[in-house]
C-alpha atoms as a PDB file:
ATOM      1  CA  MET A   1      23.555   7.708  20.766  1.00  0.00           C
ATOM      2  CA  GLN A   2      24.290  10.002  23.706  1.00  0.00           C
ATOM      3  CA  VAL A   3      20.617  10.478  24.587  1.00  0.00           C
ATOM      4  CA  ARG A   4      19.982   6.761  24.209  1.00  0.00           C
ATOM      5  CA  ARG A   5      22.913   5.906  26.460  1.00  0.00           C
ATOM      6  CA  ASP A   6      21.760   8.406  29.093  1.00  0.00           C
ATOM      7  CA  TRP A   7      18.303   6.801  29.065  1.00  0.00           C
ATOM      8  CA  VAL A   8      19.864   3.374  29.650  1.00  0.00           C
ATOM      9  CA  VAL A   9      21.969   4.731  32.503  1.00  0.00           C
ATOM     10  CA  GLU A  10      18.909   6.303  34.121  1.00  0.00           C
ATOM     11  CA  ALA A  11      16.952   3.049  33.779  1.00  0.00           C
ATOM     12  CA  VAL A  12      19.817   1.076  35.344  1.00  0.00           C
ATOM     13  CA  ASP A  13      20.151   3.605  38.174  1.00  0.00           C
ATOM     14  CA  ALA A  14      16.411   3.390  38.885  1.00  0.00           C
ATOM     15  CA  GLY A  15      16.555  -0.410  38.954  1.00  0.00           C
ATOM     16  CA  THR A  16      19.585  -0.332  41.239  1.00  0.00           C
ATOM     17  CA  MET A  17      17.825   2.024  43.650  1.00  0.00           C
ATOM     18  CA  GLN A  18      14.757  -0.253  43.790  1.00  0.00           C
ATOM     19  CA  VAL A  19      16.960  -3.249  44.580  1.00  0.00           C
ATOM     20  CA  PHE A  20      18.889  -1.236  47.173  1.00  0.00           C
ATOM     21  CA  ARG A  21      15.661  -0.139  48.885  1.00  0.00           C
ATOM     22  CA  ALA A  22      14.370  -3.724  48.940  1.00  0.00           C
ATOM     23  CA  GLU A  23      17.643  -4.965  50.461  1.00  0.00           C
ATOM     24  CA  TRP A  24      17.634  -2.107  52.987  1.00  0.00           C
ATOM     25  CA  LYS A  25      14.089  -2.991  54.117  1.00  0.00           C
ATOM     26  CA  LEU A  26      15.124  -6.650  54.394  1.00  0.00           C
ATOM     27  CA  ILE A  27      18.198  -5.740  56.479  1.00  0.00           C
ATOM     28  CA  VAL A  28      16.103  -3.570  58.801  1.00  0.00           C
ATOM     29  CA  LEU A  29      13.513  -6.333  59.156  1.00  0.00           C
ATOM     30  CA  ILE A  30      16.122  -8.989  59.980  1.00  0.00           C
ATOM     31  CA  THR A  31      17.872  -6.675  62.433  1.00  0.00           C
ATOM     32  CA  SER A  32      14.576  -5.890  64.177  1.00  0.00           C
ATOM     33  CA  ILE A  33      13.714  -9.588  64.480  1.00  0.00           C
ATOM     34  CA  ARG A  34      17.153 -10.352  65.917  1.00  0.00           C
ATOM     35  CA  LEU A  35      16.839  -7.531  68.458  1.00  0.00           C
ATOM     36  CA  LEU A  36      13.369  -8.706  69.496  1.00  0.00           C
ATOM     37  CA  ASN A  37      14.464 -12.340  69.789  1.00  0.00           C
ATOM     38  CA  GLY A  38      17.865 -11.586  71.328  1.00  0.00           C
END
């Protein structure tokens, strides 16, 4: 059970990091557009 739970935690962490990176790129893109337009 311990190994299985660790695998789930690692999978969730990996998914969270992918979402975080996507949001970070989106934030940078929006900020850049605002700076260029503003």
